[in-house]
Each structure stands twice: as C-alpha cells, then as structure tokens.
Amino acid sequence: MDSCPSILIVDDDEAIRSALSILLLRAGFNVTSASNVHGALEALRSQALDLVLLDVVLDEINPHSQSGLDILRAIRAFERFIPVIMLTSYTEWQLESLGLGAIAFVTKPWESNALLSQIRATLNAVAQIRRDALQSAEPRAVLHIDDLQIDTEHYRVFRAGKEIDLTPLEFALLAFLARNPNREWTREQLLNQVWGYEWVGYERTVDRHIAAIRRKLKLGRDELIETLHGRGYRLIR
C-alpha cells in the first residue's frame, strides 16, 4: 500500500467534511473533499484516488437531486477500481449501496478508530490483490473454478452467475487461494500473505474469514476450500 494513500470525502455537511479531513490527515492520508456529485466526479476524473468515503444523501432539501448512489454507479463504470465506503445515517440504503459495489457501510456517528481500521483494511486488501495478480505466474483478470468466477480487476465474485458480496479481506483471501491452488497454507502464512507482515492479531482471524467465505458461497464441508486440521487450508482445483 502507498505510504500516503489519497482519499476523497463526499458529504454535503461542511462540519462532517471538516471532521473527517482532520481525522484522516492526522492518520497520514492525503485528503480531497467534495460536497456534491459534480465536485466528486471532477475529483475522481482528475486525481489518482485510492478510496472514497461517500454519503448517500447529498441534498436532503431537494428530493430530485443526484445522490451518492449516482456517484457509486459512475465509479463502478471506471476502468480503474476505486473502493468506496458508504458513510451515512440512513441504514435503509445499506443493501442498495452494497449491491452497487460499495465495499462497506459505516453509520453516522462513526467511531474514529473503527473507521480508520476499516479504511486501512480495505486499502491493504486491495493492494494485496494487485500485488498478487502482478506476481502470479498466470496473471489472469478472471479466475474460473467450476461455477465460481473471481474478477480480480473489478473485485467481484460470482457463483453460478449470481454476484456474491464479499468484504475486501474475504475477497483478498479467496483470490490468493485461487491463484495458489492445491497447496497447503498455514494460518500464519495466510496472515502474512493477505493481511501483511505488519498485521498484529490472532491466527483464528483466518478461520473466521474462511467461515464467512464458505457461508456466502454456500459451500459444503471441505468443498473447494479444504480444512487441514491443526495446520491450515488449501483450495482444491
């Protein structure tokens, strides 16, 4: 991950933009902000941004104005993938936001450490996927395993034609295993490869993410991803 990633904040509330800018600048990020769709799209087209923090409702007074969802649709059409974290008070928009390609959904008021952790985890996961794709002996944009498609360019997963919503780290873990099939990986190795050497945490974190992947993909016991008891995991092709 770049030592100073660039983040775009899109929110119509000046106080929120200011608070987020201060938080992110102190955390070592480069920050750009916009209050509406026009300003956001202009920044997205003119700058090399690494992540967007995006509010859903950008003009509550005018119900016919464009919203954060319009920005999300535009970002999804870009050639370069830019992760988006939705930041809003309206939890009813969560499913639609995630369905349009948002990485995560954080409700206001946010907890600063939790938000920063979400941002760093997202940036680390995206960087790891890009490194893994560049270093792979078979640098394919889309990996096919039976009825599973893993699009490593646009960070999307489909099973039997249906899109599956994975978190950035779930996606990074699945993509890594798919690029390195039929090989045993210990939990420690997976933490180093996917979370990064700077990760400080428990090895059982891997177990929780594997369990989430299996649940979302509706995999049977040891289907696709095999548990090697007491050792780790491997993806079977």
C-alpha atoms as a PDB file:
ATOM      1  CA  MET A   1       0.000   0.000   0.000  1.00  0.00           C
ATOM      2  CA  ASP A   2       1.205   3.531  -0.813  1.00  0.00           C
ATOM      3  CA  SER A   3       2.600   5.288   2.286  1.00  0.00           C
ATOM      4  CA  CYS A   4       0.207   8.208   1.676  1.00  0.00           C
ATOM      5  CA  PRO A   5      -2.993   6.985   0.030  1.00  0.00           C
ATOM      6  CA  SER A   6      -5.398   9.621  -1.295  1.00  0.00           C
ATOM      7  CA  ILE A   7      -8.976   9.617  -0.022  1.00  0.00           C
ATOM      8  CA  LEU A   8     -11.956  11.559  -1.339  1.00  0.00           C
ATOM      9  CA  ILE A   9     -14.646  12.600   1.168  1.00  0.00           C
ATOM     10  CA  VAL A  10     -18.067  13.310  -0.348  1.00  0.00           C
ATOM     11  CA  ASP A  11     -20.634  14.813   2.045  1.00  0.00           C
ATOM     12  CA  ASP A  12     -22.883  17.864   1.858  1.00  0.00           C
ATOM     13  CA  ASP A  13     -22.320  18.707   5.537  1.00  0.00           C
ATOM     14  CA  GLU A  14     -19.319  21.021   5.901  1.00  0.00           C
ATOM     15  CA  ALA A  15     -18.828  20.106   9.568  1.00  0.00           C
ATOM     16  CA  ILE A  16     -18.623  16.391   8.699  1.00  0.00           C
ATOM     17  CA  ARG A  17     -16.202  17.032   5.827  1.00  0.00           C
ATOM     18  CA  SER A  18     -14.014  19.077   8.161  1.00  0.00           C
ATOM     19  CA  ALA A  19     -14.049  16.489  10.968  1.00  0.00           C
ATOM     20  CA  LEU A  20     -13.240  13.640   8.591  1.00  0.00           C
ATOM     21  CA  SER A  21     -10.496  15.638   6.893  1.00  0.00           C
ATOM     22  CA  ILE A  22      -8.799  16.346  10.232  1.00  0.00           C
ATOM     23  CA  LEU A  23      -9.091  12.688  11.278  1.00  0.00           C
ATOM     24  CA  LEU A  24      -7.644  11.372   8.012  1.00  0.00           C
ATOM     25  CA  LEU A  25      -4.875  13.959   7.742  1.00  0.00           C
ATOM     26  CA  ARG A  26      -3.723  13.150  11.267  1.00  0.00           C
ATOM     27  CA  ALA A  27      -3.748   9.449  10.295  1.00  0.00           C
ATOM     28  CA  GLY A  28      -1.359  10.168   7.428  1.00  0.00           C
ATOM     29  CA  PHE A  29      -3.692  10.208   4.415  1.00  0.00           C
ATOM     30  CA  ASN A  30      -3.932  12.731   1.595  1.00  0.00           C
ATOM     31  CA  VAL A  31      -7.453  14.183   1.582  1.00  0.00           C
ATOM     32  CA  THR A  32      -9.721  15.775  -1.019  1.00  0.00           C
ATOM     33  CA  SER A  33     -13.345  16.682  -0.356  1.00  0.00           C
ATOM     34  CA  ALA A  34     -16.491  17.464  -2.330  1.00  0.00           C
ATOM     35  CA  SER A  35     -19.998  18.484  -1.321  1.00  0.00           C
ATOM     36  CA  ASN A  36     -21.949  17.334  -4.392  1.00  0.00           C
ATOM     37  CA  VAL A  37     -21.983  14.943  -7.340  1.00  0.00           C
ATOM     38  CA  HIS A  38     -20.355  17.397  -9.765  1.00  0.00           C
ATOM     39  CA  GLY A  39     -17.409  18.123  -7.448  1.00  0.00           C
ATOM     40  CA  ALA A  40     -16.954  14.440  -6.632  1.00  0.00           C
ATOM     41  CA  LEU A  41     -16.882  13.334 -10.278  1.00  0.00           C
ATOM     42  CA  GLU A  42     -14.484  16.140 -11.167  1.00  0.00           C
ATOM     43  CA  ALA A  43     -12.092  14.981  -8.417  1.00  0.00           C
ATOM     44  CA  LEU A  44     -12.437  11.335  -9.468  1.00  0.00           C
ATOM     45  CA  ARG A  45     -11.584  12.146 -13.080  1.00  0.00           C
ATOM     46  CA  SER A  46      -8.670  14.486 -12.345  1.00  0.00           C
ATOM     47  CA  GLN A  47      -6.913  12.749  -9.440  1.00  0.00           C
ATOM     48  CA  ALA A  48      -5.438   9.320  -8.713  1.00  0.00           C
ATOM     49  CA  LEU A  49      -7.626   8.458  -5.735  1.00  0.00           C
ATOM     50  CA  ASP A  50      -7.260   5.289  -3.652  1.00  0.00           C
ATOM     51  CA  LEU A  51     -10.569   5.286  -1.754  1.00  0.00           C
ATOM     52  CA  VAL A  52     -13.840   7.232  -1.458  1.00  0.00           C
ATOM     53  CA  LEU A  53     -15.839   7.930   1.699  1.00  0.00           C
ATOM     54  CA  LEU A  54     -19.302   8.622   0.333  1.00  0.00           C
ATOM     55  CA  ASP A  55     -22.537   9.878   1.863  1.00  0.00           C
ATOM     56  CA  VAL A  56     -25.765   8.635   0.259  1.00  0.00           C
ATOM     57  CA  VAL A  57     -27.978  11.731   0.620  1.00  0.00           C
ATOM     58  CA  LEU A  58     -26.198  14.834  -0.658  1.00  0.00           C
ATOM     59  CA  ASP A  59     -29.105  17.288  -0.780  1.00  0.00           C
ATOM     60  CA  GLU A  60     -31.932  16.492   1.635  1.00  0.00           C
ATOM     61  CA  ILE A  61     -33.902  19.625   0.682  1.00  0.00           C
ATOM     62  CA  ASN A  62     -34.186  18.664  -2.995  1.00  0.00           C
ATOM     63  CA  PRO A  63     -35.525  15.099  -3.401  1.00  0.00           C
ATOM     64  CA  HIS A  64     -34.785  15.194  -7.155  1.00  0.00           C
ATOM     65  CA  SER A  65     -31.081  15.983  -6.804  1.00  0.00           C
ATOM     66  CA  GLN A  66     -28.413  13.411  -7.594  1.00  0.00           C
ATOM     67  CA  SER A  67     -27.225  11.295  -4.695  1.00  0.00           C
ATOM     68  CA  GLY A  68     -24.208   9.327  -3.572  1.00  0.00           C
ATOM     69  CA  LEU A  69     -25.685   6.318  -5.364  1.00  0.00           C
ATOM     70  CA  ASP A  70     -25.244   8.174  -8.670  1.00  0.00           C
ATOM     71  CA  ILE A  71     -21.570   8.673  -7.807  1.00  0.00           C
ATOM     72  CA  LEU A  72     -21.298   4.993  -6.887  1.00  0.00           C
ATOM     73  CA  ARG A  73     -22.709   3.967 -10.294  1.00  0.00           C
ATOM     74  CA  ALA A  74     -20.226   6.262 -12.049  1.00  0.00           C
ATOM     75  CA  ILE A  75     -17.278   4.869 -10.062  1.00  0.00           C
ATOM     76  CA  ARG A  76     -18.294   1.315 -10.909  1.00  0.00           C
ATOM     77  CA  ALA A  77     -18.063   2.195 -14.628  1.00  0.00           C
ATOM     78  CA  PHE A  78     -14.456   3.422 -14.298  1.00  0.00           C
ATOM     79  CA  GLU A  79     -11.731   1.218 -15.750  1.00  0.00           C
ATOM     80  CA  ARG A  80      -9.647   1.502 -12.573  1.00  0.00           C
ATOM     81  CA  PHE A  81     -11.202   0.012  -9.449  1.00  0.00           C
ATOM     82  CA  ILE A  82     -11.672   2.525  -6.610  1.00  0.00           C
ATOM     83  CA  PRO A  83     -13.029   1.121  -3.329  1.00  0.00           C
ATOM     84  CA  VAL A  84     -15.962   3.001  -1.803  1.00  0.00           C
ATOM     85  CA  ILE A  85     -17.030   3.036   1.838  1.00  0.00           C
ATOM     86  CA  MET A  86     -20.526   4.435   2.375  1.00  0.00           C
ATOM     87  CA  LEU A  87     -20.839   6.760   5.363  1.00  0.00           C
ATOM     88  CA  THR A  88     -24.406   7.732   6.189  1.00  0.00           C
ATOM     89  CA  SER A  89     -27.151   7.933   8.791  1.00  0.00           C
ATOM     90  CA  TYR A  90     -29.655   6.074   6.600  1.00  0.00           C
ATOM     91  CA  THR A  91     -29.216   2.344   7.227  1.00  0.00           C
ATOM     92  CA  GLU A  92     -32.061   1.548   4.802  1.00  0.00           C
ATOM     93  CA  TRP A  93     -29.646   2.364   1.944  1.00  0.00           C
ATOM     94  CA  GLN A  94     -27.195  -0.350   3.002  1.00  0.00           C
ATOM     95  CA  LEU A  95     -28.361  -3.166   0.709  1.00  0.00           C
ATOM     96  CA  GLU A  96     -28.657  -0.935  -2.345  1.00  0.00           C
ATOM     97  CA  SER A  97     -25.213   0.620  -1.695  1.00  0.00           C
ATOM     98  CA  LEU A  98     -23.533  -2.768  -1.347  1.00  0.00           C
ATOM     99  CA  GLY A  99     -25.422  -4.043  -4.373  1.00  0.00           C
ATOM    100  CA  LEU A 100     -23.996  -1.188  -6.451  1.00  0.00           C
ATOM    101  CA  GLY A 101     -20.430  -2.095  -5.489  1.00  0.00           C
ATOM    102  CA  ALA A 102     -19.687  -0.348  -2.188  1.00  0.00           C
ATOM    103  CA  ILE A 103     -17.081  -2.169  -0.103  1.00  0.00           C
ATOM    104  CA  ALA A 104     -18.579  -1.391   3.303  1.00  0.00           C
ATOM    105  CA  PHE A 105     -21.253   0.660   5.051  1.00  0.00           C
ATOM    106  CA  VAL A 106     -20.438   2.746   8.140  1.00  0.00           C
ATOM    107  CA  THR A 107     -23.247   4.527  10.007  1.00  0.00           C
ATOM    108  CA  LYS A 108     -23.029   8.004  11.475  1.00  0.00           C
ATOM    109  CA  PRO A 109     -21.950   8.927  14.039  1.00  0.00           C
ATOM    110  CA  TRP A 110     -18.828   6.896  13.360  1.00  0.00           C
ATOM    111  CA  GLU A 111     -16.237   5.671  15.865  1.00  0.00           C
ATOM    112  CA  SER A 112     -12.887   7.065  14.735  1.00  0.00           C
ATOM    113  CA  ASN A 113     -10.693   4.014  15.395  1.00  0.00           C
ATOM    114  CA  ALA A 114     -13.216   1.656  13.806  1.00  0.00           C
ATOM    115  CA  LEU A 115     -13.471   3.845  10.713  1.00  0.00           C
ATOM    116  CA  LEU A 116      -9.687   4.105  10.360  1.00  0.00           C
ATOM    117  CA  SER A 117      -9.378   0.329  10.789  1.00  0.00           C
ATOM    118  CA  GLN A 118     -11.965  -0.215   8.037  1.00  0.00           C
ATOM    119  CA  ILE A 119     -10.120   2.179   5.715  1.00  0.00           C
ATOM    120  CA  ARG A 120      -6.708   0.572   6.342  1.00  0.00           C
ATOM    121  CA  ALA A 121      -8.079  -2.967   5.973  1.00  0.00           C
ATOM    122  CA  THR A 122      -9.704  -2.019   2.670  1.00  0.00           C
ATOM    123  CA  LEU A 123      -6.571  -0.365   1.270  1.00  0.00           C
ATOM    124  CA  ASN A 124      -4.345  -3.247   2.402  1.00  0.00           C
ATOM    125  CA  ALA A 125      -6.653  -5.842   0.859  1.00  0.00           C
ATOM    126  CA  VAL A 126      -6.868  -4.026  -2.489  1.00  0.00           C
ATOM    127  CA  ALA A 127      -3.081  -3.544  -2.581  1.00  0.00           C
ATOM    128  CA  GLN A 128      -2.514  -7.216  -1.792  1.00  0.00           C
ATOM    129  CA  ILE A 129      -4.830  -8.358  -4.584  1.00  0.00           C
ATOM    130  CA  ARG A 130      -2.986  -6.124  -7.067  1.00  0.00           C
ATOM    131  CA  ARG A 131       0.426  -7.413  -5.926  1.00  0.00           C
ATOM    132  CA  ASP A 132      -0.783 -10.994  -6.081  1.00  0.00           C
ATOM    133  CA  ALA A 133      -2.075 -10.511  -9.628  1.00  0.00           C
ATOM    134  CA  LEU A 134       1.215  -8.968 -10.800  1.00  0.00           C
ATOM    135  CA  GLN A 135       3.346 -11.704  -9.227  1.00  0.00           C
ATOM    136  CA  SER A 136       1.190 -14.595 -10.403  1.00  0.00           C
ATOM    137  CA  ALA A 137       2.603 -16.988 -12.986  1.00  0.00           C
ATOM    138  CA  GLU A 138      -0.835 -16.783 -14.645  1.00  0.00           C
ATOM    139  CA  PRO A 139      -1.858 -13.116 -14.435  1.00  0.00           C
ATOM    140  CA  ARG A 140      -5.473 -13.622 -15.443  1.00  0.00           C
ATOM    141  CA  ALA A 141      -8.041 -10.950 -14.652  1.00  0.00           C
ATOM    142  CA  VAL A 142     -10.811 -13.518 -14.113  1.00  0.00           C
ATOM    143  CA  LEU A 143     -10.211 -16.808 -12.321  1.00  0.00           C
ATOM    144  CA  HIS A 144     -12.602 -19.679 -13.063  1.00  0.00           C
ATOM    145  CA  ILE A 145     -13.133 -22.567 -10.660  1.00  0.00           C
ATOM    146  CA  ASP A 146     -16.106 -24.769 -11.524  1.00  0.00           C
ATOM    147  CA  ASP A 147     -19.114 -22.403 -11.341  1.00  0.00           C
ATOM    148  CA  LEU A 148     -17.111 -19.720  -9.499  1.00  0.00           C
ATOM    149  CA  GLN A 149     -15.756 -16.572 -11.184  1.00  0.00           C
ATOM    150  CA  ILE A 150     -13.321 -14.281  -9.382  1.00  0.00           C
ATOM    151  CA  ASP A 151     -12.821 -10.957 -11.179  1.00  0.00           C
ATOM    152  CA  THR A 152      -9.526  -9.641  -9.772  1.00  0.00           C
ATOM    153  CA  GLU A 153      -9.663  -6.475 -11.873  1.00  0.00           C
ATOM    154  CA  HIS A 154     -13.042  -5.259 -10.646  1.00  0.00           C
ATOM    155  CA  TYR A 155     -13.064  -7.121  -7.288  1.00  0.00           C
ATOM    156  CA  ARG A 156     -16.279  -9.049  -7.898  1.00  0.00           C
ATOM    157  CA  VAL A 157     -17.191 -12.699  -7.289  1.00  0.00           C
ATOM    158  CA  PHE A 158     -19.935 -14.697  -8.999  1.00  0.00           C
ATOM    159  CA  ARG A 159     -21.177 -18.210  -8.337  1.00  0.00           C
ATOM    160  CA  ALA A 160     -23.477 -19.783 -10.912  1.00  0.00           C
ATOM    161  CA  GLY A 161     -23.929 -16.303 -12.402  1.00  0.00           C
ATOM    162  CA  LYS A 162     -25.033 -14.699  -9.115  1.00  0.00           C
ATOM    163  CA  GLU A 163     -22.852 -11.969  -7.613  1.00  0.00           C
ATOM    164  CA  ILE A 164     -21.597 -12.679  -4.087  1.00  0.00           C
ATOM    165  CA  ASP A 165     -20.911  -9.808  -1.688  1.00  0.00           C
ATOM    166  CA  LEU A 166     -17.503 -10.317  -0.028  1.00  0.00           C
ATOM    167  CA  THR A 167     -15.598  -7.901   2.182  1.00  0.00           C
ATOM    168  CA  PRO A 168     -12.174  -6.728   0.892  1.00  0.00           C
ATOM    169  CA  LEU A 169     -10.273  -9.171   3.101  1.00  0.00           C
ATOM    170  CA  GLU A 170     -12.591 -12.052   2.233  1.00  0.00           C
ATOM    171  CA  PHE A 171     -12.040 -11.283  -1.443  1.00  0.00           C
ATOM    172  CA  ALA A 172      -8.263 -10.989  -0.996  1.00  0.00           C
ATOM    173  CA  LEU A 173      -8.118 -14.316   0.848  1.00  0.00           C
ATOM    174  CA  LEU A 174     -10.239 -16.134  -1.733  1.00  0.00           C
ATOM    175  CA  ALA A 175      -8.287 -14.644  -4.661  1.00  0.00           C
ATOM    176  CA  PHE A 176      -4.959 -15.597  -3.073  1.00  0.00           C
ATOM    177  CA  LEU A 177      -6.057 -19.193  -2.511  1.00  0.00           C
ATOM    178  CA  ALA A 178      -7.473 -19.386  -6.041  1.00  0.00           C
ATOM    179  CA  ARG A 179      -4.187 -18.213  -7.540  1.00  0.00           C
ATOM    180  CA  ASN A 180      -2.285 -20.747  -5.447  1.00  0.00           C
ATOM    181  CA  PRO A 181      -4.448 -23.905  -5.575  1.00  0.00           C
ATOM    182  CA  ASN A 182      -3.674 -27.395  -4.249  1.00  0.00           C
ATOM    183  CA  ARG A 183      -1.071 -26.008  -1.872  1.00  0.00           C
ATOM    184  CA  GLU A 184      -1.204 -26.146   1.899  1.00  0.00           C
ATOM    185  CA  TRP A 185      -1.118 -22.791   3.676  1.00  0.00           C
ATOM    186  CA  THR A 186      -0.780 -22.384   7.422  1.00  0.00           C
ATOM    187  CA  ARG A 187      -2.792 -19.685   9.174  1.00  0.00           C
ATOM    188  CA  GLU A 188       0.413 -17.730   9.831  1.00  0.00           C
ATOM    189  CA  GLN A 189       1.356 -17.851   6.145  1.00  0.00           C
ATOM    190  CA  LEU A 190      -2.090 -16.633   5.117  1.00  0.00           C
ATOM    191  CA  LEU A 191      -1.922 -13.770   7.611  1.00  0.00           C
ATOM    192  CA  ASN A 192       1.455 -12.748   6.172  1.00  0.00           C
ATOM    193  CA  GLN A 193       0.344 -13.086   2.552  1.00  0.00           C
ATOM    194  CA  VAL A 194      -3.112 -11.496   2.789  1.00  0.00           C
ATOM    195  CA  TRP A 195      -3.161  -9.270   5.888  1.00  0.00           C
ATOM    196  CA  GLY A 196       0.508  -8.287   5.598  1.00  0.00           C
ATOM    197  CA  TYR A 197       3.575  -8.682   7.762  1.00  0.00           C
ATOM    198  CA  GLU A 198       2.615  -5.676   9.864  1.00  0.00           C
ATOM    199  CA  TRP A 199      -0.599  -7.400  10.994  1.00  0.00           C
ATOM    200  CA  VAL A 200      -0.908  -7.809  14.751  1.00  0.00           C
ATOM    201  CA  GLY A 201      -3.722 -10.153  15.681  1.00  0.00           C
ATOM    202  CA  TYR A 202      -4.871 -13.705  16.189  1.00  0.00           C
ATOM    203  CA  GLU A 203      -4.367 -16.567  13.730  1.00  0.00           C
ATOM    204  CA  ARG A 204      -8.014 -17.523  14.287  1.00  0.00           C
ATOM    205  CA  THR A 205      -8.868 -14.413  12.272  1.00  0.00           C
ATOM    206  CA  VAL A 206      -8.207 -16.614   9.223  1.00  0.00           C
ATOM    207  CA  ASP A 207     -10.750 -19.173  10.441  1.00  0.00           C
ATOM    208  CA  ARG A 208     -13.459 -16.520  10.749  1.00  0.00           C
ATOM    209  CA  HIS A 209     -12.831 -15.251   7.229  1.00  0.00           C
ATOM    210  CA  ILE A 210     -12.782 -18.757   5.747  1.00  0.00           C
ATOM    211  CA  ALA A 211     -16.075 -19.490   7.522  1.00  0.00           C
ATOM    212  CA  ALA A 212     -17.608 -16.285   6.107  1.00  0.00           C
ATOM    213  CA  ILE A 213     -16.452 -17.157   2.564  1.00  0.00           C
ATOM    214  CA  ARG A 214     -17.925 -20.649   2.847  1.00  0.00           C
ATOM    215  CA  ARG A 215     -21.217 -19.279   4.165  1.00  0.00           C
ATOM    216  CA  LYS A 216     -21.571 -16.649   1.459  1.00  0.00           C
ATOM    217  CA  LEU A 217     -20.597 -19.044  -1.351  1.00  0.00           C
ATOM    218  CA  LYS A 218     -22.841 -21.747   0.152  1.00  0.00           C
ATOM    219  CA  LEU A 219     -20.006 -24.264   0.167  1.00  0.00           C
ATOM    220  CA  GLY A 220     -20.373 -27.677   1.746  1.00  0.00           C
ATOM    221  CA  ARG A 221     -17.895 -29.101   4.241  1.00  0.00           C
ATOM    222  CA  ASP A 222     -14.425 -29.074   2.627  1.00  0.00           C
ATOM    223  CA  GLU A 223     -15.989 -28.176  -0.742  1.00  0.00           C
ATOM    224  CA  LEU A 224     -13.470 -26.035  -2.691  1.00  0.00           C
ATOM    225  CA  ILE A 225     -11.624 -24.904   0.469  1.00  0.00           C
ATOM    226  CA  GLU A 226     -10.284 -27.829   2.487  1.00  0.00           C
ATOM    227  CA  THR A 227      -9.504 -27.569   6.198  1.00  0.00           C
ATOM    228  CA  LEU A 228      -6.214 -29.231   7.127  1.00  0.00           C
ATOM    229  CA  HIS A 229      -6.869 -29.792  10.821  1.00  0.00           C
ATOM    230  CA  GLY A 230      -4.206 -28.358  13.080  1.00  0.00           C
ATOM    231  CA  ARG A 231      -2.347 -26.914  10.099  1.00  0.00           C
ATOM    232  CA  GLY A 232      -4.293 -24.607   7.811  1.00  0.00           C
ATOM    233  CA  TYR A 233      -6.178 -24.594   4.490  1.00  0.00           C
ATOM    234  CA  ARG A 234      -5.888 -25.274   0.786  1.00  0.00           C
ATOM    235  CA  LEU A 235      -8.080 -24.575  -2.205  1.00  0.00           C
ATOM    236  CA  ILE A 236      -8.757 -27.655  -4.310  1.00  0.00           C
ATOM    237  CA  ARG A 237      -9.000 -27.413  -8.106  1.00  0.00           C
END
